[in-house]
């Protein structure tokens, strides 16, 4: 007989598994950040790790307050600059996926400071990966970053607005789906 906790987590686990199975894109869908506006705008929608992270950022802001959006913005700028200046972190692709799981766990724990630290770390690592890819002409780079920023803001804003309206039980399911989805993305390279 399934415990109450397992029964409650089963839908989130199924959603996370479905997300991972539906994705035909690699977990770390990072390429060159120099392909212009359209490529930048599409990345947050086509990179599953990016999309899950952005949903988590919107969820965190819906739960703990919109001030977390400023934390995410500062982390994105710092991480992007660090990567563009040659900064590196071993295993960053896997770590970026694991940070999605961490964000889901922090959402479930509902601890504001933990949520802010995990959110900032995850966004900074992801932005660092994009900063490392920043090669090419300045016009293409500017277009890519502009497109990615606008698309990311739209996803975060939409998820913030929707998640604020959800019942607490659905927020817990989202947290579970993020945790499972991030873990599956982190394990995908091993398959």
C-alpha atoms as a PDB file:
ATOM      1  CA  UNK A   1       0.000   0.000   0.000  1.00  0.00           C
ATOM      2  CA  UNK A   2       1.379   3.417  -0.975  1.00  0.00           C
ATOM      3  CA  UNK A   3       1.985   5.893   1.797  1.00  0.00           C
ATOM      4  CA  UNK A   4       0.165   9.215   1.734  1.00  0.00           C
ATOM      5  CA  UNK A   5       3.380  11.045   0.864  1.00  0.00           C
ATOM      6  CA  UNK A   6       4.126   8.745  -2.070  1.00  0.00           C
ATOM      7  CA  UNK A   7       0.561   9.056  -3.309  1.00  0.00           C
ATOM      8  CA  UNK A   8       0.876  12.841  -3.222  1.00  0.00           C
ATOM      9  CA  UNK A   9       4.234  12.813  -5.004  1.00  0.00           C
ATOM     10  CA  UNK A  10       3.162  10.357  -7.722  1.00  0.00           C
ATOM     11  CA  UNK A  11       1.522  13.002  -9.973  1.00  0.00           C
ATOM     12  CA  UNK A  12       4.596  15.230  -9.708  1.00  0.00           C
ATOM     13  CA  UNK A  13       6.861  12.285 -10.509  1.00  0.00           C
ATOM     14  CA  UNK A  14       4.716  11.405 -13.508  1.00  0.00           C
ATOM     15  CA  UNK A  15       4.787  15.014 -14.720  1.00  0.00           C
ATOM     16  CA  UNK A  16       8.567  15.176 -14.361  1.00  0.00           C
ATOM     17  CA  UNK A  17       9.007  11.909 -16.209  1.00  0.00           C
ATOM     18  CA  UNK A  18       6.650  13.041 -18.957  1.00  0.00           C
ATOM     19  CA  UNK A  19       8.581  16.289 -19.366  1.00  0.00           C
ATOM     20  CA  UNK A  20      11.843  14.421 -19.709  1.00  0.00           C
ATOM     21  CA  UNK A  21      10.441  11.852 -22.127  1.00  0.00           C
ATOM     22  CA  UNK A  22       8.786  14.487 -24.288  1.00  0.00           C
ATOM     23  CA  UNK A  23      12.026  16.367 -24.688  1.00  0.00           C
ATOM     24  CA  UNK A  24      14.097  15.385 -27.677  1.00  0.00           C
ATOM     25  CA  UNK A  25      16.591  18.111 -26.851  1.00  0.00           C
ATOM     26  CA  UNK A  26      19.731  17.542 -24.817  1.00  0.00           C
ATOM     27  CA  UNK A  27      19.548  18.468 -21.142  1.00  0.00           C
ATOM     28  CA  UNK A  28      22.167  21.149 -21.599  1.00  0.00           C
ATOM     29  CA  UNK A  29      20.863  22.761 -24.769  1.00  0.00           C
ATOM     30  CA  UNK A  30      23.654  25.283 -24.777  1.00  0.00           C
ATOM     31  CA  UNK A  31      25.253  26.302 -28.021  1.00  0.00           C
ATOM     32  CA  UNK A  32      26.809  29.491 -29.224  1.00  0.00           C
ATOM     33  CA  UNK A  33      25.139  32.592 -27.862  1.00  0.00           C
ATOM     34  CA  UNK A  34      25.777  34.480 -31.063  1.00  0.00           C
ATOM     35  CA  UNK A  35      23.034  33.445 -33.459  1.00  0.00           C
ATOM     36  CA  UNK A  36      20.931  36.588 -33.143  1.00  0.00           C
ATOM     37  CA  UNK A  37      17.586  37.660 -31.751  1.00  0.00           C
ATOM     38  CA  UNK A  38      15.425  34.712 -32.878  1.00  0.00           C
ATOM     39  CA  UNK A  39      17.855  32.114 -31.534  1.00  0.00           C
ATOM     40  CA  UNK A  40      18.079  33.959 -28.237  1.00  0.00           C
ATOM     41  CA  UNK A  41      14.310  34.274 -27.945  1.00  0.00           C
ATOM     42  CA  UNK A  42      13.774  30.586 -28.682  1.00  0.00           C
ATOM     43  CA  UNK A  43      16.372  29.214 -26.269  1.00  0.00           C
ATOM     44  CA  UNK A  44      14.366  29.683 -23.051  1.00  0.00           C
ATOM     45  CA  UNK A  45      11.484  27.842 -24.704  1.00  0.00           C
ATOM     46  CA  UNK A  46      13.477  25.017 -26.304  1.00  0.00           C
ATOM     47  CA  UNK A  47      16.163  24.407 -23.688  1.00  0.00           C
ATOM     48  CA  UNK A  48      14.324  22.209 -21.176  1.00  0.00           C
ATOM     49  CA  UNK A  49      16.793  22.984 -18.379  1.00  0.00           C
ATOM     50  CA  UNK A  50      16.296  26.698 -19.029  1.00  0.00           C
ATOM     51  CA  UNK A  51      12.507  26.394 -19.163  1.00  0.00           C
ATOM     52  CA  UNK A  52      12.328  24.425 -15.905  1.00  0.00           C
ATOM     53  CA  UNK A  53      14.654  26.884 -14.174  1.00  0.00           C
ATOM     54  CA  UNK A  54      12.522  29.827 -15.313  1.00  0.00           C
ATOM     55  CA  UNK A  55       9.341  28.113 -14.109  1.00  0.00           C
ATOM     56  CA  UNK A  56      11.092  27.631 -10.771  1.00  0.00           C
ATOM     57  CA  UNK A  57      12.104  31.300 -10.632  1.00  0.00           C
ATOM     58  CA  UNK A  58       8.499  32.333 -11.272  1.00  0.00           C
ATOM     59  CA  UNK A  59       7.333  29.852  -8.641  1.00  0.00           C
ATOM     60  CA  UNK A  60       9.852  31.107  -6.102  1.00  0.00           C
ATOM     61  CA  UNK A  61       8.765  34.703  -6.655  1.00  0.00           C
ATOM     62  CA  UNK A  62       5.107  33.691  -6.372  1.00  0.00           C
ATOM     63  CA  UNK A  63       5.791  31.925  -3.082  1.00  0.00           C
ATOM     64  CA  UNK A  64       8.362  34.165  -1.392  1.00  0.00           C
ATOM     65  CA  UNK A  65       7.702  37.516  -3.038  1.00  0.00           C
ATOM     66  CA  UNK A  66       8.623  39.407  -6.198  1.00  0.00           C
ATOM     67  CA  UNK A  67      11.859  40.692  -4.633  1.00  0.00           C
ATOM     68  CA  UNK A  68      13.344  37.310  -5.587  1.00  0.00           C
ATOM     69  CA  UNK A  69      13.120  38.460  -9.200  1.00  0.00           C
ATOM     70  CA  UNK A  70      15.804  41.060  -8.431  1.00  0.00           C
ATOM     71  CA  UNK A  71      17.944  38.312  -6.889  1.00  0.00           C
ATOM     72  CA  UNK A  72      17.536  36.288 -10.095  1.00  0.00           C
ATOM     73  CA  UNK A  73      18.396  39.284 -12.285  1.00  0.00           C
ATOM     74  CA  UNK A  74      21.536  40.087 -10.283  1.00  0.00           C
ATOM     75  CA  UNK A  75      22.607  36.431 -10.402  1.00  0.00           C
ATOM     76  CA  UNK A  76      22.033  36.278 -14.167  1.00  0.00           C
ATOM     77  CA  UNK A  77      24.163  39.362 -14.771  1.00  0.00           C
ATOM     78  CA  UNK A  78      26.940  38.181 -12.448  1.00  0.00           C
ATOM     79  CA  UNK A  79      26.972  34.650 -13.873  1.00  0.00           C
ATOM     80  CA  UNK A  80      26.874  35.843 -17.480  1.00  0.00           C
ATOM     81  CA  UNK A  81      29.754  38.258 -16.937  1.00  0.00           C
ATOM     82  CA  UNK A  82      31.780  35.617 -15.083  1.00  0.00           C
ATOM     83  CA  UNK A  83      31.358  33.189 -17.978  1.00  0.00           C
ATOM     84  CA  UNK A  84      32.065  35.831 -20.634  1.00  0.00           C
ATOM     85  CA  UNK A  85      35.307  36.734 -18.839  1.00  0.00           C
ATOM     86  CA  UNK A  86      36.470  33.115 -19.011  1.00  0.00           C
ATOM     87  CA  UNK A  87      35.141  31.853 -15.691  1.00  0.00           C
ATOM     88  CA  UNK A  88      34.424  28.160 -15.451  1.00  0.00           C
ATOM     89  CA  UNK A  89      32.986  25.654 -13.017  1.00  0.00           C
ATOM     90  CA  UNK A  90      33.719  21.925 -13.445  1.00  0.00           C
ATOM     91  CA  UNK A  91      30.585  19.938 -14.200  1.00  0.00           C
ATOM     92  CA  UNK A  92      28.540  23.092 -14.721  1.00  0.00           C
ATOM     93  CA  UNK A  93      26.057  21.477 -17.156  1.00  0.00           C
ATOM     94  CA  UNK A  94      25.130  18.768 -14.660  1.00  0.00           C
ATOM     95  CA  UNK A  95      25.195  21.251 -11.802  1.00  0.00           C
ATOM     96  CA  UNK A  96      22.799  23.552 -13.693  1.00  0.00           C
ATOM     97  CA  UNK A  97      20.330  20.661 -14.009  1.00  0.00           C
ATOM     98  CA  UNK A  98      20.779  19.703 -10.357  1.00  0.00           C
ATOM     99  CA  UNK A  99      20.074  23.301  -9.354  1.00  0.00           C
ATOM    100  CA  UNK A 100      16.617  22.891 -10.922  1.00  0.00           C
ATOM    101  CA  UNK A 101      16.103  19.978  -8.505  1.00  0.00           C
ATOM    102  CA  UNK A 102      17.468  22.056  -5.669  1.00  0.00           C
ATOM    103  CA  UNK A 103      15.078  24.857  -6.518  1.00  0.00           C
ATOM    104  CA  UNK A 104      12.183  22.410  -6.444  1.00  0.00           C
ATOM    105  CA  UNK A 105      13.283  21.116  -3.038  1.00  0.00           C
ATOM    106  CA  UNK A 106      13.710  24.659  -1.721  1.00  0.00           C
ATOM    107  CA  UNK A 107      10.222  25.529  -2.985  1.00  0.00           C
ATOM    108  CA  UNK A 108       8.840  22.508  -1.149  1.00  0.00           C
ATOM    109  CA  UNK A 109      10.682  23.497   2.044  1.00  0.00           C
ATOM    110  CA  UNK A 110       9.247  27.042   1.835  1.00  0.00           C
ATOM    111  CA  UNK A 111      12.321  28.552   3.466  1.00  0.00           C
ATOM    112  CA  UNK A 112      12.867  32.078   2.111  1.00  0.00           C
ATOM    113  CA  UNK A 113      16.633  32.343   2.642  1.00  0.00           C
ATOM    114  CA  UNK A 114      17.309  28.845   1.314  1.00  0.00           C
ATOM    115  CA  UNK A 115      15.116  29.601  -1.672  1.00  0.00           C
ATOM    116  CA  UNK A 116      17.021  32.819  -2.418  1.00  0.00           C
ATOM    117  CA  UNK A 117      20.429  31.103  -2.194  1.00  0.00           C
ATOM    118  CA  UNK A 118      19.426  28.145  -4.375  1.00  0.00           C
ATOM    119  CA  UNK A 119      17.701  30.421  -6.883  1.00  0.00           C
ATOM    120  CA  UNK A 120      20.708  32.749  -7.154  1.00  0.00           C
ATOM    121  CA  UNK A 121      23.122  29.825  -7.495  1.00  0.00           C
ATOM    122  CA  UNK A 122      21.072  28.091 -10.174  1.00  0.00           C
ATOM    123  CA  UNK A 123      20.547  31.236 -12.225  1.00  0.00           C
ATOM    124  CA  UNK A 124      24.217  32.266 -11.920  1.00  0.00           C
ATOM    125  CA  UNK A 125      25.463  28.842 -13.052  1.00  0.00           C
ATOM    126  CA  UNK A 126      23.093  28.792 -15.997  1.00  0.00           C
ATOM    127  CA  UNK A 127      24.016  32.349 -17.002  1.00  0.00           C
ATOM    128  CA  UNK A 128      27.716  31.479 -16.682  1.00  0.00           C
ATOM    129  CA  UNK A 129      27.245  28.738 -19.283  1.00  0.00           C
ATOM    130  CA  UNK A 130      25.726  31.274 -21.656  1.00  0.00           C
ATOM    131  CA  UNK A 131      28.472  33.773 -20.917  1.00  0.00           C
ATOM    132  CA  UNK A 132      31.029  31.150 -21.954  1.00  0.00           C
ATOM    133  CA  UNK A 133      29.218  30.780 -25.277  1.00  0.00           C
ATOM    134  CA  UNK A 134      29.320  34.513 -25.972  1.00  0.00           C
ATOM    135  CA  UNK A 135      31.364  34.634 -29.149  1.00  0.00           C
ATOM    136  CA  UNK A 136      30.741  36.285 -32.485  1.00  0.00           C
ATOM    137  CA  UNK A 137      29.918  39.784 -33.646  1.00  0.00           C
ATOM    138  CA  UNK A 138      28.626  42.285 -31.140  1.00  0.00           C
ATOM    139  CA  UNK A 139      25.364  42.736 -33.099  1.00  0.00           C
ATOM    140  CA  UNK A 140      24.634  38.997 -33.017  1.00  0.00           C
ATOM    141  CA  UNK A 141      25.562  38.798 -29.333  1.00  0.00           C
ATOM    142  CA  UNK A 142      23.390  41.761 -28.439  1.00  0.00           C
ATOM    143  CA  UNK A 143      20.487  40.274 -30.373  1.00  0.00           C
ATOM    144  CA  UNK A 144      20.904  36.865 -28.724  1.00  0.00           C
ATOM    145  CA  UNK A 145      21.073  38.299 -25.207  1.00  0.00           C
ATOM    146  CA  UNK A 146      18.141  40.639 -25.885  1.00  0.00           C
ATOM    147  CA  UNK A 147      16.012  37.801 -27.263  1.00  0.00           C
ATOM    148  CA  UNK A 148      16.941  35.434 -24.438  1.00  0.00           C
ATOM    149  CA  UNK A 149      16.299  38.109 -21.808  1.00  0.00           C
ATOM    150  CA  UNK A 150      12.895  39.112 -23.172  1.00  0.00           C
ATOM    151  CA  UNK A 151      11.772  35.522 -23.630  1.00  0.00           C
ATOM    152  CA  UNK A 152      13.038  34.589 -20.158  1.00  0.00           C
ATOM    153  CA  UNK A 153      11.206  37.541 -18.619  1.00  0.00           C
ATOM    154  CA  UNK A 154       8.005  36.473 -20.382  1.00  0.00           C
ATOM    155  CA  UNK A 155       8.277  32.887 -19.082  1.00  0.00           C
ATOM    156  CA  UNK A 156       9.075  34.031 -15.531  1.00  0.00           C
ATOM    157  CA  UNK A 157       6.288  36.616 -15.589  1.00  0.00           C
ATOM    158  CA  UNK A 158       3.718  34.153 -16.893  1.00  0.00           C
ATOM    159  CA  UNK A 159       4.726  31.440 -14.437  1.00  0.00           C
ATOM    160  CA  UNK A 160       4.685  33.970 -11.572  1.00  0.00           C
ATOM    161  CA  UNK A 161       1.155  35.088 -12.497  1.00  0.00           C
ATOM    162  CA  UNK A 162      -0.176  31.544 -12.888  1.00  0.00           C
ATOM    163  CA  UNK A 163       1.541  30.004  -9.860  1.00  0.00           C
ATOM    164  CA  UNK A 164       0.325  32.796  -7.572  1.00  0.00           C
ATOM    165  CA  UNK A 165      -3.222  31.669  -8.375  1.00  0.00           C
ATOM    166  CA  UNK A 166      -2.604  27.963  -7.749  1.00  0.00           C
ATOM    167  CA  UNK A 167      -3.785  26.135  -4.678  1.00  0.00           C
ATOM    168  CA  UNK A 168      -0.973  25.105  -2.297  1.00  0.00           C
ATOM    169  CA  UNK A 169      -1.356  21.455  -3.318  1.00  0.00           C
ATOM    170  CA  UNK A 170      -0.542  22.363  -6.942  1.00  0.00           C
ATOM    171  CA  UNK A 171       2.458  24.400  -5.836  1.00  0.00           C
ATOM    172  CA  UNK A 172       3.772  21.308  -4.038  1.00  0.00           C
ATOM    173  CA  UNK A 173       3.249  19.282  -7.202  1.00  0.00           C
ATOM    174  CA  UNK A 174       5.196  21.865  -9.177  1.00  0.00           C
ATOM    175  CA  UNK A 175       8.015  21.690  -6.623  1.00  0.00           C
ATOM    176  CA  UNK A 176       8.055  17.901  -6.970  1.00  0.00           C
ATOM    177  CA  UNK A 177       8.034  18.065 -10.765  1.00  0.00           C
ATOM    178  CA  UNK A 178      10.954  20.520 -10.757  1.00  0.00           C
ATOM    179  CA  UNK A 179      12.919  18.300  -8.386  1.00  0.00           C
ATOM    180  CA  UNK A 180      12.350  15.185 -10.457  1.00  0.00           C
ATOM    181  CA  UNK A 181      12.781  16.960 -13.803  1.00  0.00           C
ATOM    182  CA  UNK A 182      16.102  18.484 -12.753  1.00  0.00           C
ATOM    183  CA  UNK A 183      17.379  15.136 -11.507  1.00  0.00           C
ATOM    184  CA  UNK A 184      16.391  13.426 -14.755  1.00  0.00           C
ATOM    185  CA  UNK A 185      18.116  16.140 -16.779  1.00  0.00           C
ATOM    186  CA  UNK A 186      21.251  15.730 -14.674  1.00  0.00           C
ATOM    187  CA  UNK A 187      21.213  11.964 -15.220  1.00  0.00           C
ATOM    188  CA  UNK A 188      20.411  12.169 -18.960  1.00  0.00           C
ATOM    189  CA  UNK A 189      24.084  12.339 -20.049  1.00  0.00           C
ATOM    190  CA  UNK A 190      24.684   9.014 -18.284  1.00  0.00           C
ATOM    191  CA  UNK A 191      22.014   7.222 -20.332  1.00  0.00           C
END
